[in-house]
Amino acid sequence: MTTLSLIYLQAAPAGQGSPNMLTGLLPLLLVFVVFYFFMIRPQMKKQKELNTYRNAIAKGDKVITTGGIYGKVVDVSDNVITIEIANDVKIRVDKNAILKDPTDVGTRQ
């Protein structure tokens, strides 16, 4: 049999009416639930932990920027952090550019 005839034979008989809307939306709902628990929720948790870390940064902490620059925090203001990357070499970066502390990477500065 051809594919078209198989689809026609599997279709609901004309006398029963339309199939239940819930059975049509159930697979889509299950896919959304799986995406939420395996992708969206862990990413939200990771973002929350990163924001907590960024708000807890204090003077003297060692950090890594998103650009891969290792440094030591010299000054912290509202959204700007001053980092010393070498002797008498200081840069100012946005607080959102701070990725993590070097202990997460396992290297020493």
C-alpha atoms as a PDB file:
ATOM      1  CA  MET A   1       0.000   0.000   0.000  1.00  0.00           C
ATOM      2  CA  THR A   2       1.091   3.500  -0.527  1.00  0.00           C
ATOM      3  CA  THR A   3       1.763   5.911   2.276  1.00  0.00           C
ATOM      4  CA  LEU A   4      -1.287   7.989   1.407  1.00  0.00           C
ATOM      5  CA  SER A   5      -3.596   4.981   1.688  1.00  0.00           C
ATOM      6  CA  LEU A   6      -2.066   4.049   5.077  1.00  0.00           C
ATOM      7  CA  ILE A   7      -2.722   7.541   6.371  1.00  0.00           C
ATOM      8  CA  TYR A   8      -6.278   7.379   5.081  1.00  0.00           C
ATOM      9  CA  LEU A   9      -6.878   4.016   6.785  1.00  0.00           C
ATOM     10  CA  GLN A  10      -5.513   5.291  10.114  1.00  0.00           C
ATOM     11  CA  ALA A  11      -7.708   8.374  10.089  1.00  0.00           C
ATOM     12  CA  ALA A  12     -10.649   8.493  12.474  1.00  0.00           C
ATOM     13  CA  PRO A  13     -13.942   7.225  11.038  1.00  0.00           C
ATOM     14  CA  ALA A  14     -16.301   9.956   9.894  1.00  0.00           C
ATOM     15  CA  GLY A  15     -19.022   8.953  12.349  1.00  0.00           C
ATOM     16  CA  GLN A  16     -16.949   9.565  15.508  1.00  0.00           C
ATOM     17  CA  GLY A  17     -16.337  13.296  15.030  1.00  0.00           C
ATOM     18  CA  SER A  18     -13.094  15.097  15.721  1.00  0.00           C
ATOM     19  CA  PRO A  19     -10.509  13.637  18.109  1.00  0.00           C
ATOM     20  CA  ASN A  20     -10.114  15.110  21.579  1.00  0.00           C
ATOM     21  CA  MET A  21      -8.063  18.323  21.572  1.00  0.00           C
ATOM     22  CA  LEU A  22      -6.111  17.182  24.654  1.00  0.00           C
ATOM     23  CA  THR A  23      -4.709  14.163  22.850  1.00  0.00           C
ATOM     24  CA  GLY A  24      -3.487  16.429  20.081  1.00  0.00           C
ATOM     25  CA  LEU A  25      -1.764  18.853  22.448  1.00  0.00           C
ATOM     26  CA  LEU A  26      -0.396  16.259  24.873  1.00  0.00           C
ATOM     27  CA  PRO A  27       2.817  15.501  22.916  1.00  0.00           C
ATOM     28  CA  LEU A  28       3.537  19.214  22.532  1.00  0.00           C
ATOM     29  CA  LEU A  29       2.962  19.749  26.243  1.00  0.00           C
ATOM     30  CA  LEU A  30       5.273  16.847  27.126  1.00  0.00           C
ATOM     31  CA  VAL A  31       8.031  18.263  24.911  1.00  0.00           C
ATOM     32  CA  PHE A  32       7.725  21.634  26.658  1.00  0.00           C
ATOM     33  CA  VAL A  33       7.913  19.996  30.112  1.00  0.00           C
ATOM     34  CA  VAL A  34      11.028  18.035  29.112  1.00  0.00           C
ATOM     35  CA  PHE A  35      12.685  21.187  27.743  1.00  0.00           C
ATOM     36  CA  TYR A  36      11.834  23.072  30.927  1.00  0.00           C
ATOM     37  CA  PHE A  37      13.296  20.526  33.321  1.00  0.00           C
ATOM     38  CA  PHE A  38      16.373  19.591  31.269  1.00  0.00           C
ATOM     39  CA  MET A  39      17.323  22.899  29.651  1.00  0.00           C
ATOM     40  CA  ILE A  40      15.544  25.991  30.940  1.00  0.00           C
ATOM     41  CA  ARG A  41      15.530  25.302  34.682  1.00  0.00           C
ATOM     42  CA  PRO A  42      19.248  24.358  34.984  1.00  0.00           C
ATOM     43  CA  GLN A  43      20.216  27.428  32.947  1.00  0.00           C
ATOM     44  CA  MET A  44      18.119  29.687  35.199  1.00  0.00           C
ATOM     45  CA  LYS A  45      19.762  28.126  38.264  1.00  0.00           C
ATOM     46  CA  LYS A  46      23.240  28.664  36.817  1.00  0.00           C
ATOM     47  CA  GLN A  47      22.423  32.298  35.962  1.00  0.00           C
ATOM     48  CA  LYS A  48      21.108  32.905  39.483  1.00  0.00           C
ATOM     49  CA  GLU A  49      24.316  31.486  41.013  1.00  0.00           C
ATOM     50  CA  LEU A  50      26.437  33.688  38.722  1.00  0.00           C
ATOM     51  CA  ASN A  51      24.459  36.801  39.690  1.00  0.00           C
ATOM     52  CA  THR A  52      24.859  35.923  43.373  1.00  0.00           C
ATOM     53  CA  TYR A  53      28.617  35.532  42.861  1.00  0.00           C
ATOM     54  CA  ARG A  54      28.877  38.846  40.992  1.00  0.00           C
ATOM     55  CA  ASN A  55      27.008  40.693  43.756  1.00  0.00           C
ATOM     56  CA  ALA A  56      29.282  39.170  46.423  1.00  0.00           C
ATOM     57  CA  ILE A  57      32.565  40.245  44.791  1.00  0.00           C
ATOM     58  CA  ALA A  58      34.724  42.192  47.220  1.00  0.00           C
ATOM     59  CA  LYS A  59      38.086  43.910  47.188  1.00  0.00           C
ATOM     60  CA  GLY A  60      40.945  41.394  47.050  1.00  0.00           C
ATOM     61  CA  ASP A  61      39.014  38.617  45.260  1.00  0.00           C
ATOM     62  CA  LYS A  62      40.625  36.929  42.284  1.00  0.00           C
ATOM     63  CA  VAL A  63      38.398  36.848  39.206  1.00  0.00           C
ATOM     64  CA  ILE A  64      38.303  35.959  35.519  1.00  0.00           C
ATOM     65  CA  THR A  65      36.560  38.134  32.958  1.00  0.00           C
ATOM     66  CA  THR A  66      34.565  36.821  30.021  1.00  0.00           C
ATOM     67  CA  GLY A  67      37.516  37.798  27.837  1.00  0.00           C
ATOM     68  CA  GLY A  68      39.800  35.474  29.787  1.00  0.00           C
ATOM     69  CA  ILE A  69      41.676  38.129  31.769  1.00  0.00           C
ATOM     70  CA  TYR A  70      42.793  36.987  35.221  1.00  0.00           C
ATOM     71  CA  GLY A  71      43.066  39.648  37.873  1.00  0.00           C
ATOM     72  CA  LYS A  72      42.575  40.785  41.437  1.00  0.00           C
ATOM     73  CA  VAL A  73      39.728  43.125  42.384  1.00  0.00           C
ATOM     74  CA  VAL A  74      40.987  46.511  43.545  1.00  0.00           C
ATOM     75  CA  ASP A  75      37.745  48.505  43.684  1.00  0.00           C
ATOM     76  CA  VAL A  76      34.052  47.713  43.393  1.00  0.00           C
ATOM     77  CA  SER A  77      31.380  50.272  42.542  1.00  0.00           C
ATOM     78  CA  ASP A  78      27.784  49.797  41.404  1.00  0.00           C
ATOM     79  CA  ASN A  79      28.344  48.276  37.968  1.00  0.00           C
ATOM     80  CA  VAL A  80      32.080  48.792  37.436  1.00  0.00           C
ATOM     81  CA  ILE A  81      34.902  46.740  38.911  1.00  0.00           C
ATOM     82  CA  THR A  82      38.542  47.789  38.800  1.00  0.00           C
ATOM     83  CA  ILE A  83      40.877  44.824  38.361  1.00  0.00           C
ATOM     84  CA  GLU A  84      44.642  44.775  38.731  1.00  0.00           C
ATOM     85  CA  ILE A  85      46.062  42.444  36.081  1.00  0.00           C
ATOM     86  CA  ALA A  86      49.764  43.199  36.702  1.00  0.00           C
ATOM     87  CA  ASN A  87      51.829  45.474  38.918  1.00  0.00           C
ATOM     88  CA  ASP A  88      50.384  48.987  38.495  1.00  0.00           C
ATOM     89  CA  VAL A  89      48.206  47.861  35.566  1.00  0.00           C
ATOM     90  CA  LYS A  90      44.514  48.305  36.347  1.00  0.00           C
ATOM     91  CA  ILE A  91      41.509  47.945  34.096  1.00  0.00           C
ATOM     92  CA  ARG A  92      37.875  48.785  34.653  1.00  0.00           C
ATOM     93  CA  VAL A  93      35.293  46.236  33.547  1.00  0.00           C
ATOM     94  CA  ASP A  94      31.555  45.961  33.798  1.00  0.00           C
ATOM     95  CA  LYS A  95      30.341  43.718  36.585  1.00  0.00           C
ATOM     96  CA  ASN A  96      28.531  41.549  34.017  1.00  0.00           C
ATOM     97  CA  ALA A  97      31.908  40.771  32.394  1.00  0.00           C
ATOM     98  CA  ILE A  98      33.057  38.848  35.472  1.00  0.00           C
ATOM     99  CA  LEU A  99      32.779  35.144  34.816  1.00  0.00           C
ATOM    100  CA  LYS A 100      34.058  33.296  37.866  1.00  0.00           C
ATOM    101  CA  ASP A 101      36.923  33.032  40.292  1.00  0.00           C
ATOM    102  CA  PRO A 102      40.126  31.197  39.346  1.00  0.00           C
ATOM    103  CA  THR A 103      39.536  28.450  41.917  1.00  0.00           C
ATOM    104  CA  ASP A 104      36.729  27.129  39.697  1.00  0.00           C
ATOM    105  CA  VAL A 105      39.232  26.625  36.888  1.00  0.00           C
ATOM    106  CA  GLY A 106      41.817  24.942  39.075  1.00  0.00           C
ATOM    107  CA  THR A 107      44.725  27.215  38.204  1.00  0.00           C
ATOM    108  CA  ARG A 108      46.604  29.594  40.438  1.00  0.00           C
ATOM    109  CA  GLN A 109      47.401  33.147  39.604  1.00  0.00           C
END
